[in-house]
Amino acid sequence: MLPAVSTAAVLGLVLLVCSTALAVGAHEPAAHASIVGGTPAEDGSFSSAAFILDSRGKQLGLCTGTVVAPSLVLTAGHCAEDVKTGSINAASGYRVATGEVDWVTGTPQVSTVLGVIPYPGFAPRVAAGDAALLVLSTPVSAPPMALAGSSQTGLSGAGATATMAGWGKTSFEDKSLTERLNFASTVLQPAKWCERNARPFFAKWELCTVDPVSFSTGACSGDSGGPLLVGDSTTGESVEVGIASHVYGACSTRHPTVYTRVDALSGWLRSWIAAYRTPVLSPSPVPVPAPSAGGV
């Protein structure tokens, strides 16, 4: 078992490692997409949310995710691999904080990571299939997030009101770290609108949202991997239908935020969640037989 990591260690990691600016183009996905125009979350809310730090040499990756099993966190694919080289990020560089909406003033459960599993269909050049799982070294107490299944495509229909959440920048110019999770309301848009305004857009794999009329909310750097949540009228629970992938126009709220469809990944997610539903255990030491009393 890897050694436990304290909150102080996470703060030290943030202070010691510099992060790099993220390029955002009008029609070029910024594959590294807190909530702009959002509201700070209250303590005890968004209990499945995960704050993710990834130290890579002189760079620090900041992402959001959700707990989907005791030892699994779902996030964006570009939070798990180098989009230029295709190499998977080292598991040893990650620290994941769960159980608190404020990772500084709260007392989150901080985990190291044993494994990094990008979705096998992830296409970094166009950001399709932008999803990954992080295997935590120890099970966490945060409850697993409800995920949209392949039969629940109706939850993400055009016109549905949704909630986005993350620890990203609150504006493109913001250079400080967001300590408390932010959330905001948005609306799912028709595929044809997304194809015109979020090129390249793949309706089979992606969803896009924008806050109509006021155009005041959207995602930004650090929200990548964060959930897009829709209420299920049947169960009354919030269901994750999207994984924050990329934004346009320097985090402009007049441009859409693009999400990876969770229902499109249903089979892949189910198989890994089933495998890790029972917490991962470190091997027990092999007992050494006691010497016999009768000599050799």
C-alpha atoms as a PDB file:
ATOM      1  CA  MET A   1       0.000   0.000   0.000  1.00  0.00           C
ATOM      2  CA  LEU A   2       1.290   3.458  -0.845  1.00  0.00           C
ATOM      3  CA  PRO A   3       1.828   5.866   2.078  1.00  0.00           C
ATOM      4  CA  ALA A   4      -1.037   8.138   3.083  1.00  0.00           C
ATOM      5  CA  VAL A   5      -0.848  11.731   1.871  1.00  0.00           C
ATOM      6  CA  SER A   6      -2.018  14.617   4.072  1.00  0.00           C
ATOM      7  CA  THR A   7      -3.882  17.749   3.005  1.00  0.00           C
ATOM      8  CA  ALA A   8      -0.698  19.676   3.797  1.00  0.00           C
ATOM      9  CA  ALA A   9       1.092  17.575   1.201  1.00  0.00           C
ATOM     10  CA  VAL A  10      -1.491  18.563  -1.406  1.00  0.00           C
ATOM     11  CA  LEU A  11      -1.090  22.234  -0.539  1.00  0.00           C
ATOM     12  CA  GLY A  12       2.682  21.889  -0.715  1.00  0.00           C
ATOM     13  CA  LEU A  13       2.376  20.326  -4.150  1.00  0.00           C
ATOM     14  CA  VAL A  14       0.286  23.262  -5.360  1.00  0.00           C
ATOM     15  CA  LEU A  15       2.754  25.804  -4.029  1.00  0.00           C
ATOM     16  CA  LEU A  16       5.853  24.106  -5.387  1.00  0.00           C
ATOM     17  CA  VAL A  17       4.722  23.252  -8.919  1.00  0.00           C
ATOM     18  CA  CYS A  18       3.878  25.809 -11.615  1.00  0.00           C
ATOM     19  CA  SER A  19       0.990  25.272 -13.978  1.00  0.00           C
ATOM     20  CA  THR A  20       0.991  26.356 -17.620  1.00  0.00           C
ATOM     21  CA  ALA A  21      -1.545  28.513 -19.463  1.00  0.00           C
ATOM     22  CA  LEU A  22      -4.067  26.744 -21.670  1.00  0.00           C
ATOM     23  CA  ALA A  23      -4.572  27.805 -25.269  1.00  0.00           C
ATOM     24  CA  VAL A  24      -8.144  28.340 -26.357  1.00  0.00           C
ATOM     25  CA  GLY A  25      -9.139  28.995 -29.956  1.00  0.00           C
ATOM     26  CA  ALA A  26     -12.360  30.064 -31.621  1.00  0.00           C
ATOM     27  CA  HIS A  27     -12.709  26.698 -33.410  1.00  0.00           C
ATOM     28  CA  GLU A  28      -9.832  24.738 -31.894  1.00  0.00           C
ATOM     29  CA  PRO A  29     -10.701  22.665 -28.815  1.00  0.00           C
ATOM     30  CA  ALA A  30      -8.799  23.663 -25.689  1.00  0.00           C
ATOM     31  CA  ALA A  31      -8.570  20.096 -24.519  1.00  0.00           C
ATOM     32  CA  HIS A  32      -7.818  21.308 -21.026  1.00  0.00           C
ATOM     33  CA  ALA A  33     -11.309  22.881 -19.922  1.00  0.00           C
ATOM     34  CA  SER A  34     -14.119  27.322 -11.938  1.00  0.00           C
ATOM     35  CA  ILE A  35     -17.121  27.555 -13.413  1.00  0.00           C
ATOM     36  CA  VAL A  36     -17.485  31.001 -14.976  1.00  0.00           C
ATOM     37  CA  GLY A  37     -20.527  32.750 -13.509  1.00  0.00           C
ATOM     38  CA  GLY A  38     -20.979  29.992 -10.957  1.00  0.00           C
ATOM     39  CA  THR A  39     -21.952  29.831  -7.293  1.00  0.00           C
ATOM     40  CA  PRO A  40     -19.739  28.404  -4.511  1.00  0.00           C
ATOM     41  CA  ALA A  41     -21.059  25.021  -3.380  1.00  0.00           C
ATOM     42  CA  GLU A  42     -22.337  24.591   0.168  1.00  0.00           C
ATOM     43  CA  ASP A  43     -20.611  22.172   2.539  1.00  0.00           C
ATOM     44  CA  GLY A  44     -22.072  18.699   2.204  1.00  0.00           C
ATOM     45  CA  SER A  45     -23.201  19.133  -1.400  1.00  0.00           C
ATOM     46  CA  PHE A  46     -21.730  17.449  -4.489  1.00  0.00           C
ATOM     47  CA  SER A  47     -20.543  14.592  -2.274  1.00  0.00           C
ATOM     48  CA  SER A  48     -19.191  12.532  -5.212  1.00  0.00           C
ATOM     49  CA  ALA A  49     -16.965  15.307  -6.605  1.00  0.00           C
ATOM     50  CA  ALA A  50     -13.182  14.829  -6.741  1.00  0.00           C
ATOM     51  CA  PHE A  51     -10.423  17.461  -6.964  1.00  0.00           C
ATOM     52  CA  ILE A  52      -7.481  16.147  -9.011  1.00  0.00           C
ATOM     53  CA  LEU A  53      -3.845  17.298  -9.037  1.00  0.00           C
ATOM     54  CA  ASP A  54      -1.302  15.802 -11.434  1.00  0.00           C
ATOM     55  CA  SER A  55       2.371  16.752 -11.059  1.00  0.00           C
ATOM     56  CA  ARG A  56       4.368  16.279 -14.275  1.00  0.00           C
ATOM     57  CA  GLY A  57       7.840  17.692 -13.819  1.00  0.00           C
ATOM     58  CA  LYS A  58       7.482  21.472 -13.835  1.00  0.00           C
ATOM     59  CA  GLN A  59       3.825  21.324 -14.802  1.00  0.00           C
ATOM     60  CA  LEU A  60       0.782  20.827 -12.624  1.00  0.00           C
ATOM     61  CA  GLY A  61      -2.438  19.512 -14.089  1.00  0.00           C
ATOM     62  CA  LEU A  62      -5.664  20.572 -12.369  1.00  0.00           C
ATOM     63  CA  CYS A  63      -8.860  18.654 -13.124  1.00  0.00           C
ATOM     64  CA  THR A  64     -12.217  17.720 -11.650  1.00  0.00           C
ATOM     65  CA  GLY A  65     -13.743  14.256 -11.484  1.00  0.00           C
ATOM     66  CA  THR A  66     -16.420  12.130  -9.824  1.00  0.00           C
ATOM     67  CA  VAL A  67     -16.216   9.043  -7.633  1.00  0.00           C
ATOM     68  CA  VAL A  68     -17.944   6.165  -9.463  1.00  0.00           C
ATOM     69  CA  ALA A  69     -16.779   3.253  -7.252  1.00  0.00           C
ATOM     70  CA  PRO A  70     -14.891   3.058  -3.927  1.00  0.00           C
ATOM     71  CA  SER A  71     -11.551   3.027  -5.755  1.00  0.00           C
ATOM     72  CA  LEU A  72     -12.439   4.691  -9.088  1.00  0.00           C
ATOM     73  CA  VAL A  73     -12.677   8.334 -10.179  1.00  0.00           C
ATOM     74  CA  LEU A  74     -14.051   9.336 -13.582  1.00  0.00           C
ATOM     75  CA  THR A  75     -12.438  12.322 -15.311  1.00  0.00           C
ATOM     76  CA  ALA A  76     -11.457  13.587 -18.780  1.00  0.00           C
ATOM     77  CA  GLY A  77      -9.083  11.646 -21.032  1.00  0.00           C
ATOM     78  CA  HIS A  78      -6.809  14.652 -21.495  1.00  0.00           C
ATOM     79  CA  CYS A  79      -6.395  14.699 -17.688  1.00  0.00           C
ATOM     80  CA  ALA A  80      -4.852  11.229 -17.976  1.00  0.00           C
ATOM     81  CA  GLU A  81      -2.532  11.332 -20.977  1.00  0.00           C
ATOM     82  CA  ASP A  82      -0.250  13.640 -22.933  1.00  0.00           C
ATOM     83  CA  VAL A  83      -2.430  14.693 -25.876  1.00  0.00           C
ATOM     84  CA  LYS A  84       0.644  15.433 -28.012  1.00  0.00           C
ATOM     85  CA  THR A  85       2.536  12.173 -27.499  1.00  0.00           C
ATOM     86  CA  GLY A  86      -0.246   9.820 -26.436  1.00  0.00           C
ATOM     87  CA  SER A  87       1.744   8.651 -23.419  1.00  0.00           C
ATOM     88  CA  ILE A  88      -0.273   7.923 -20.287  1.00  0.00           C
ATOM     89  CA  ASN A  89       0.548  10.106 -17.269  1.00  0.00           C
ATOM     90  CA  ALA A  90       2.410   8.412 -14.426  1.00  0.00           C
ATOM     91  CA  ALA A  91       0.080   7.321 -11.636  1.00  0.00           C
ATOM     92  CA  SER A  92       2.613   8.461  -9.036  1.00  0.00           C
ATOM     93  CA  GLY A  93       2.065  12.130  -9.958  1.00  0.00           C
ATOM     94  CA  TYR A  94      -1.597  12.212  -8.901  1.00  0.00           C
ATOM     95  CA  ARG A  95      -3.261  13.300  -5.688  1.00  0.00           C
ATOM     96  CA  VAL A  96      -7.061  13.118  -5.468  1.00  0.00           C
ATOM     97  CA  ALA A  97      -9.093  14.902  -2.766  1.00  0.00           C
ATOM     98  CA  THR A  98     -12.653  13.709  -2.078  1.00  0.00           C
ATOM     99  CA  GLY A  99     -15.364  14.262   0.508  1.00  0.00           C
ATOM    100  CA  GLU A 100     -15.197  18.071   0.658  1.00  0.00           C
ATOM    101  CA  VAL A 101     -16.219  20.926  -1.639  1.00  0.00           C
ATOM    102  CA  ASP A 102     -13.344  23.033  -0.243  1.00  0.00           C
ATOM    103  CA  TRP A 103     -10.010  21.197  -0.341  1.00  0.00           C
ATOM    104  CA  VAL A 104      -8.242  23.874   1.751  1.00  0.00           C
ATOM    105  CA  THR A 105     -10.526  24.698   4.690  1.00  0.00           C
ATOM    106  CA  GLY A 106     -12.187  21.282   4.757  1.00  0.00           C
ATOM    107  CA  THR A 107     -10.729  17.906   5.722  1.00  0.00           C
ATOM    108  CA  PRO A 108     -10.813  15.934   2.475  1.00  0.00           C
ATOM    109  CA  GLN A 109      -9.750  12.333   2.094  1.00  0.00           C
ATOM    110  CA  VAL A 110      -6.568  12.533   0.017  1.00  0.00           C
ATOM    111  CA  SER A 111      -5.617   9.511  -2.098  1.00  0.00           C
ATOM    112  CA  THR A 112      -2.705   8.515  -4.273  1.00  0.00           C
ATOM    113  CA  VAL A 113      -3.327   6.679  -7.546  1.00  0.00           C
ATOM    114  CA  LEU A 114      -2.384   3.122  -8.532  1.00  0.00           C
ATOM    115  CA  GLY A 115      -3.465   3.167 -12.164  1.00  0.00           C
ATOM    116  CA  VAL A 116      -4.536   5.459 -15.025  1.00  0.00           C
ATOM    117  CA  ILE A 117      -7.045   4.096 -17.581  1.00  0.00           C
ATOM    118  CA  PRO A 118      -7.878   6.356 -20.562  1.00  0.00           C
ATOM    119  CA  TYR A 119     -10.947   5.403 -22.569  1.00  0.00           C
ATOM    120  CA  PRO A 120      -9.593   3.256 -25.451  1.00  0.00           C
ATOM    121  CA  GLY A 121     -11.534   5.285 -28.027  1.00  0.00           C
ATOM    122  CA  PHE A 122     -10.111   8.647 -26.936  1.00  0.00           C
ATOM    123  CA  ALA A 123      -9.059  10.681 -30.008  1.00  0.00           C
ATOM    124  CA  PRO A 124      -7.022  13.624 -28.613  1.00  0.00           C
ATOM    125  CA  ARG A 125      -6.801  15.557 -31.905  1.00  0.00           C
ATOM    126  CA  VAL A 126     -10.556  16.084 -31.952  1.00  0.00           C
ATOM    127  CA  ALA A 127     -11.252  15.417 -28.234  1.00  0.00           C
ATOM    128  CA  ALA A 128     -13.777  12.648 -28.994  1.00  0.00           C
ATOM    129  CA  GLY A 129     -14.153   9.952 -26.317  1.00  0.00           C
ATOM    130  CA  ASP A 130     -12.479  12.301 -23.829  1.00  0.00           C
ATOM    131  CA  ALA A 131     -12.715  10.172 -20.673  1.00  0.00           C
ATOM    132  CA  ALA A 132     -10.508   8.261 -18.245  1.00  0.00           C
ATOM    133  CA  LEU A 133     -10.582   6.447 -14.918  1.00  0.00           C
ATOM    134  CA  LEU A 134      -8.134   6.830 -12.039  1.00  0.00           C
ATOM    135  CA  VAL A 135      -7.658   3.800  -9.788  1.00  0.00           C
ATOM    136  CA  LEU A 136      -7.203   5.020  -6.208  1.00  0.00           C
ATOM    137  CA  SER A 137      -4.731   3.336  -3.870  1.00  0.00           C
ATOM    138  CA  THR A 138      -7.282   3.243  -1.056  1.00  0.00           C
ATOM    139  CA  PRO A 139     -11.103   3.165  -1.151  1.00  0.00           C
ATOM    140  CA  VAL A 140     -12.821   6.443  -0.338  1.00  0.00           C
ATOM    141  CA  SER A 141     -15.943   7.090   1.707  1.00  0.00           C
ATOM    142  CA  ALA A 142     -17.509   9.443  -0.875  1.00  0.00           C
ATOM    143  CA  PRO A 143     -20.648   7.905  -2.455  1.00  0.00           C
ATOM    144  CA  PRO A 144     -20.496   6.837  -6.113  1.00  0.00           C
ATOM    145  CA  MET A 145     -22.108   9.137  -8.670  1.00  0.00           C
ATOM    146  CA  ALA A 146     -25.141   7.862 -10.593  1.00  0.00           C
ATOM    147  CA  LEU A 147     -24.184   7.568 -14.279  1.00  0.00           C
ATOM    148  CA  ALA A 148     -26.385   7.730 -17.373  1.00  0.00           C
ATOM    149  CA  GLY A 149     -26.766   4.319 -18.994  1.00  0.00           C
ATOM    150  CA  SER A 150     -27.172   3.476 -22.661  1.00  0.00           C
ATOM    151  CA  SER A 151     -30.972   3.387 -22.261  1.00  0.00           C
ATOM    152  CA  GLN A 152     -31.119   6.865 -20.678  1.00  0.00           C
ATOM    153  CA  THR A 153     -30.383   9.031 -23.703  1.00  0.00           C
ATOM    154  CA  GLY A 154     -33.562  10.975 -22.965  1.00  0.00           C
ATOM    155  CA  LEU A 155     -31.929  12.550 -19.918  1.00  0.00           C
ATOM    156  CA  SER A 156     -29.588  14.520 -22.172  1.00  0.00           C
ATOM    157  CA  GLY A 157     -32.173  15.688 -24.683  1.00  0.00           C
ATOM    158  CA  ALA A 158     -32.064  19.186 -26.180  1.00  0.00           C
ATOM    159  CA  GLY A 159     -33.615  21.794 -23.911  1.00  0.00           C
ATOM    160  CA  ALA A 160     -32.939  19.918 -20.675  1.00  0.00           C
ATOM    161  CA  THR A 161     -31.699  22.065 -17.805  1.00  0.00           C
ATOM    162  CA  ALA A 162     -28.423  20.785 -16.361  1.00  0.00           C
ATOM    163  CA  THR A 163     -25.882  21.655 -13.677  1.00  0.00           C
ATOM    164  CA  MET A 164     -22.146  21.939 -14.319  1.00  0.00           C
ATOM    165  CA  ALA A 165     -19.631  21.764 -11.472  1.00  0.00           C
ATOM    166  CA  GLY A 166     -15.865  22.037 -11.055  1.00  0.00           C
ATOM    167  CA  TRP A 167     -12.796  23.557  -9.430  1.00  0.00           C
ATOM    168  CA  GLY A 168     -11.697  25.468 -12.534  1.00  0.00           C
ATOM    169  CA  LYS A 169     -11.007  29.152 -13.098  1.00  0.00           C
ATOM    170  CA  THR A 170     -13.808  31.626 -12.543  1.00  0.00           C
ATOM    171  CA  SER A 171     -12.515  33.677 -15.495  1.00  0.00           C
ATOM    172  CA  PHE A 172      -9.909  33.141 -18.205  1.00  0.00           C
ATOM    173  CA  GLU A 173      -7.660  35.809 -16.673  1.00  0.00           C
ATOM    174  CA  ASP A 174      -7.878  34.303 -13.178  1.00  0.00           C
ATOM    175  CA  LYS A 175      -4.418  33.120 -12.044  1.00  0.00           C
ATOM    176  CA  SER A 176      -5.400  31.933  -8.570  1.00  0.00           C
ATOM    177  CA  LEU A 177      -6.399  28.401  -7.632  1.00  0.00           C
ATOM    178  CA  THR A 178     -10.069  27.768  -6.958  1.00  0.00           C
ATOM    179  CA  GLU A 179     -10.363  26.280  -3.474  1.00  0.00           C
ATOM    180  CA  ARG A 180     -14.140  25.747  -3.336  1.00  0.00           C
ATOM    181  CA  LEU A 181     -16.174  23.874  -5.932  1.00  0.00           C
ATOM    182  CA  ASN A 182     -18.423  26.095  -8.035  1.00  0.00           C
ATOM    183  CA  PHE A 183     -21.586  25.126  -9.894  1.00  0.00           C
ATOM    184  CA  ALA A 184     -23.922  26.756 -12.399  1.00  0.00           C
ATOM    185  CA  SER A 185     -27.037  26.088 -14.405  1.00  0.00           C
ATOM    186  CA  THR A 186     -26.896  25.574 -18.169  1.00  0.00           C
ATOM    187  CA  VAL A 187     -29.029  24.120 -20.981  1.00  0.00           C
ATOM    188  CA  LEU A 188     -28.325  21.213 -23.351  1.00  0.00           C
ATOM    189  CA  GLN A 189     -28.434  22.280 -27.001  1.00  0.00           C
ATOM    190  CA  PRO A 190     -29.580  20.412 -30.143  1.00  0.00           C
ATOM    191  CA  ALA A 191     -26.909  18.437 -32.005  1.00  0.00           C
ATOM    192  CA  LYS A 192     -27.261  20.556 -35.152  1.00  0.00           C
ATOM    193  CA  TRP A 193     -26.664  23.755 -33.173  1.00  0.00           C
ATOM    194  CA  CYS A 194     -23.592  22.173 -31.580  1.00  0.00           C
ATOM    195  CA  GLU A 195     -22.298  21.091 -35.003  1.00  0.00           C
ATOM    196  CA  ARG A 196     -22.455  24.705 -36.164  1.00  0.00           C
ATOM    197  CA  ASN A 197     -21.079  26.331 -33.010  1.00  0.00           C
ATOM    198  CA  ALA A 198     -18.703  23.751 -31.495  1.00  0.00           C
ATOM    199  CA  ARG A 199     -16.765  22.399 -34.497  1.00  0.00           C
ATOM    200  CA  PRO A 200     -15.654  19.677 -34.718  1.00  0.00           C
ATOM    201  CA  PHE A 201     -18.630  18.150 -32.914  1.00  0.00           C
ATOM    202  CA  PHE A 202     -19.520  14.438 -32.830  1.00  0.00           C
ATOM    203  CA  ALA A 203     -23.108  13.906 -31.699  1.00  0.00           C
ATOM    204  CA  LYS A 204     -22.499  10.199 -31.022  1.00  0.00           C
ATOM    205  CA  TRP A 205     -19.837  11.036 -28.437  1.00  0.00           C
ATOM    206  CA  GLU A 206     -20.531  14.579 -27.298  1.00  0.00           C
ATOM    207  CA  LEU A 207     -23.029  16.998 -25.791  1.00  0.00           C
ATOM    208  CA  CYS A 208     -22.811  20.775 -25.762  1.00  0.00           C
ATOM    209  CA  THR A 209     -24.365  23.358 -23.493  1.00  0.00           C
ATOM    210  CA  VAL A 210     -24.761  27.097 -23.256  1.00  0.00           C
ATOM    211  CA  ASP A 211     -26.607  29.377 -20.849  1.00  0.00           C
ATOM    212  CA  PRO A 212     -29.286  30.951 -23.087  1.00  0.00           C
ATOM    213  CA  VAL A 213     -30.551  34.520 -22.868  1.00  0.00           C
ATOM    214  CA  SER A 214     -27.994  35.742 -20.305  1.00  0.00           C
ATOM    215  CA  PHE A 215     -24.997  33.731 -21.626  1.00  0.00           C
ATOM    216  CA  SER A 216     -23.427  34.138 -18.184  1.00  0.00           C
ATOM    217  CA  THR A 217     -22.144  30.648 -17.272  1.00  0.00           C
ATOM    218  CA  GLY A 218     -19.635  28.188 -18.689  1.00  0.00           C
ATOM    219  CA  ALA A 219     -16.635  25.989 -17.919  1.00  0.00           C
ATOM    220  CA  CYS A 220     -12.968  26.999 -17.869  1.00  0.00           C
ATOM    221  CA  SER A 221      -9.507  25.558 -17.207  1.00  0.00           C
ATOM    222  CA  GLY A 222      -9.597  23.151 -14.267  1.00  0.00           C
ATOM    223  CA  ASP A 223     -13.222  22.098 -14.827  1.00  0.00           C
ATOM    224  CA  SER A 224     -12.073  19.364 -17.230  1.00  0.00           C
ATOM    225  CA  GLY A 225     -13.471  16.008 -16.162  1.00  0.00           C
ATOM    226  CA  GLY A 226     -16.192  17.654 -14.082  1.00  0.00           C
ATOM    227  CA  PRO A 227     -19.772  16.401 -14.227  1.00  0.00           C
ATOM    228  CA  LEU A 228     -22.751  17.663 -16.174  1.00  0.00           C
ATOM    229  CA  LEU A 229     -25.733  16.663 -14.030  1.00  0.00           C
ATOM    230  CA  VAL A 230     -29.395  16.242 -14.923  1.00  0.00           C
ATOM    231  CA  GLY A 231     -32.215  15.375 -12.544  1.00  0.00           C
ATOM    232  CA  ASP A 232     -33.916  12.017 -13.115  1.00  0.00           C
ATOM    233  CA  SER A 233     -37.645  12.577 -12.614  1.00  0.00           C
ATOM    234  CA  THR A 234     -38.163   8.862 -11.944  1.00  0.00           C
ATOM    235  CA  THR A 235     -35.668   8.438  -9.111  1.00  0.00           C
ATOM    236  CA  GLY A 236     -35.301  12.056  -8.027  1.00  0.00           C
ATOM    237  CA  GLU A 237     -31.502  11.764  -8.058  1.00  0.00           C
ATOM    238  CA  SER A 238     -28.917  13.704 -10.044  1.00  0.00           C
ATOM    239  CA  VAL A 239     -27.366  11.693 -12.872  1.00  0.00           C
ATOM    240  CA  GLU A 240     -24.063  12.463 -14.600  1.00  0.00           C
ATOM    241  CA  VAL A 241     -24.731  12.693 -18.333  1.00  0.00           C
ATOM    242  CA  GLY A 242     -21.506  14.438 -19.416  1.00  0.00           C
ATOM    243  CA  ILE A 243     -17.802  14.818 -18.627  1.00  0.00           C
ATOM    244  CA  ALA A 244     -16.396  18.326 -19.207  1.00  0.00           C
ATOM    245  CA  SER A 245     -14.048  18.198 -22.217  1.00  0.00           C
ATOM    246  CA  HIS A 246     -13.322  21.557 -23.858  1.00  0.00           C
ATOM    247  CA  VAL A 247     -14.333  25.175 -24.342  1.00  0.00           C
ATOM    248  CA  TYR A 248     -13.855  27.931 -26.923  1.00  0.00           C
ATOM    249  CA  GLY A 249     -13.024  31.625 -27.093  1.00  0.00           C
ATOM    250  CA  ALA A 250     -10.940  32.092 -23.902  1.00  0.00           C
ATOM    251  CA  CYS A 251     -13.668  30.519 -21.744  1.00  0.00           C
ATOM    252  CA  SER A 252     -16.234  32.872 -23.261  1.00  0.00           C
ATOM    253  CA  THR A 253     -19.708  32.118 -21.928  1.00  0.00           C
ATOM    254  CA  ARG A 254     -21.102  33.110 -25.331  1.00  0.00           C
ATOM    255  CA  HIS A 255     -19.499  29.945 -26.735  1.00  0.00           C
ATOM    256  CA  PRO A 256     -20.608  26.399 -25.820  1.00  0.00           C
ATOM    257  CA  THR A 257     -18.995  24.028 -23.350  1.00  0.00           C
ATOM    258  CA  VAL A 258     -18.529  20.524 -24.800  1.00  0.00           C
ATOM    259  CA  TYR A 259     -18.942  17.325 -22.774  1.00  0.00           C
ATOM    260  CA  THR A 260     -18.223  13.659 -23.447  1.00  0.00           C
ATOM    261  CA  ARG A 261     -21.458  11.649 -23.365  1.00  0.00           C
ATOM    262  CA  VAL A 262     -21.543   9.269 -20.385  1.00  0.00           C
ATOM    263  CA  ASP A 263     -24.218   7.054 -21.969  1.00  0.00           C
ATOM    264  CA  ALA A 264     -21.878   6.410 -24.938  1.00  0.00           C
ATOM    265  CA  LEU A 265     -19.290   4.977 -22.515  1.00  0.00           C
ATOM    266  CA  SER A 266     -21.788   2.886 -20.563  1.00  0.00           C
ATOM    267  CA  GLY A 267     -20.403  -0.565 -21.404  1.00  0.00           C
ATOM    268  CA  TRP A 268     -16.788   0.427 -20.719  1.00  0.00           C
ATOM    269  CA  LEU A 269     -17.723   2.118 -17.440  1.00  0.00           C
ATOM    270  CA  ARG A 270     -19.876  -0.783 -16.243  1.00  0.00           C
ATOM    271  CA  SER A 271     -17.072  -3.292 -16.780  1.00  0.00           C
ATOM    272  CA  TRP A 272     -14.513  -1.280 -14.785  1.00  0.00           C
ATOM    273  CA  ILE A 273     -16.963  -0.350 -12.031  1.00  0.00           C
ATOM    274  CA  ALA A 274     -17.889  -4.017 -11.623  1.00  0.00           C
ATOM    275  CA  ALA A 275     -14.198  -4.909 -11.379  1.00  0.00           C
ATOM    276  CA  TYR A 276     -13.566  -2.284  -8.680  1.00  0.00           C
ATOM    277  CA  ARG A 277     -16.856  -2.422  -6.806  1.00  0.00           C
ATOM    278  CA  THR A 278     -15.010  -4.350  -4.096  1.00  0.00           C
ATOM    279  CA  PRO A 279     -12.239  -2.094  -2.698  1.00  0.00           C
ATOM    280  CA  VAL A 280      -8.699  -2.864  -3.851  1.00  0.00           C
ATOM    281  CA  LEU A 281      -6.601  -4.478  -1.110  1.00  0.00           C
ATOM    282  CA  SER A 282      -2.839  -4.619  -0.772  1.00  0.00           C
ATOM    283  CA  PRO A 283      -1.380  -8.148  -0.610  1.00  0.00           C
ATOM    284  CA  SER A 284      -1.053  -9.553   2.894  1.00  0.00           C
ATOM    285  CA  PRO A 285       2.409 -10.634   4.036  1.00  0.00           C
ATOM    286  CA  VAL A 286       3.124 -14.351   3.604  1.00  0.00           C
ATOM    287  CA  PRO A 287       3.337 -16.014   7.030  1.00  0.00           C
ATOM    288  CA  VAL A 288       6.675 -17.581   7.888  1.00  0.00           C
ATOM    289  CA  PRO A 289       6.354 -21.106   9.330  1.00  0.00           C
ATOM    290  CA  ALA A 290       7.656 -21.506  12.888  1.00  0.00           C
ATOM    291  CA  PRO A 291      10.790 -23.661  13.181  1.00  0.00           C
ATOM    292  CA  SER A 292      10.173 -27.221  14.315  1.00  0.00           C
ATOM    293  CA  ALA A 293      11.329 -28.267  17.759  1.00  0.00           C
ATOM    294  CA  GLY A 294      13.047 -31.451  16.550  1.00  0.00           C
ATOM    295  CA  GLY A 295      16.110 -30.008  14.775  1.00  0.00           C
ATOM    296  CA  VAL A 296      16.823 -30.254  11.055  1.00  0.00           C
END
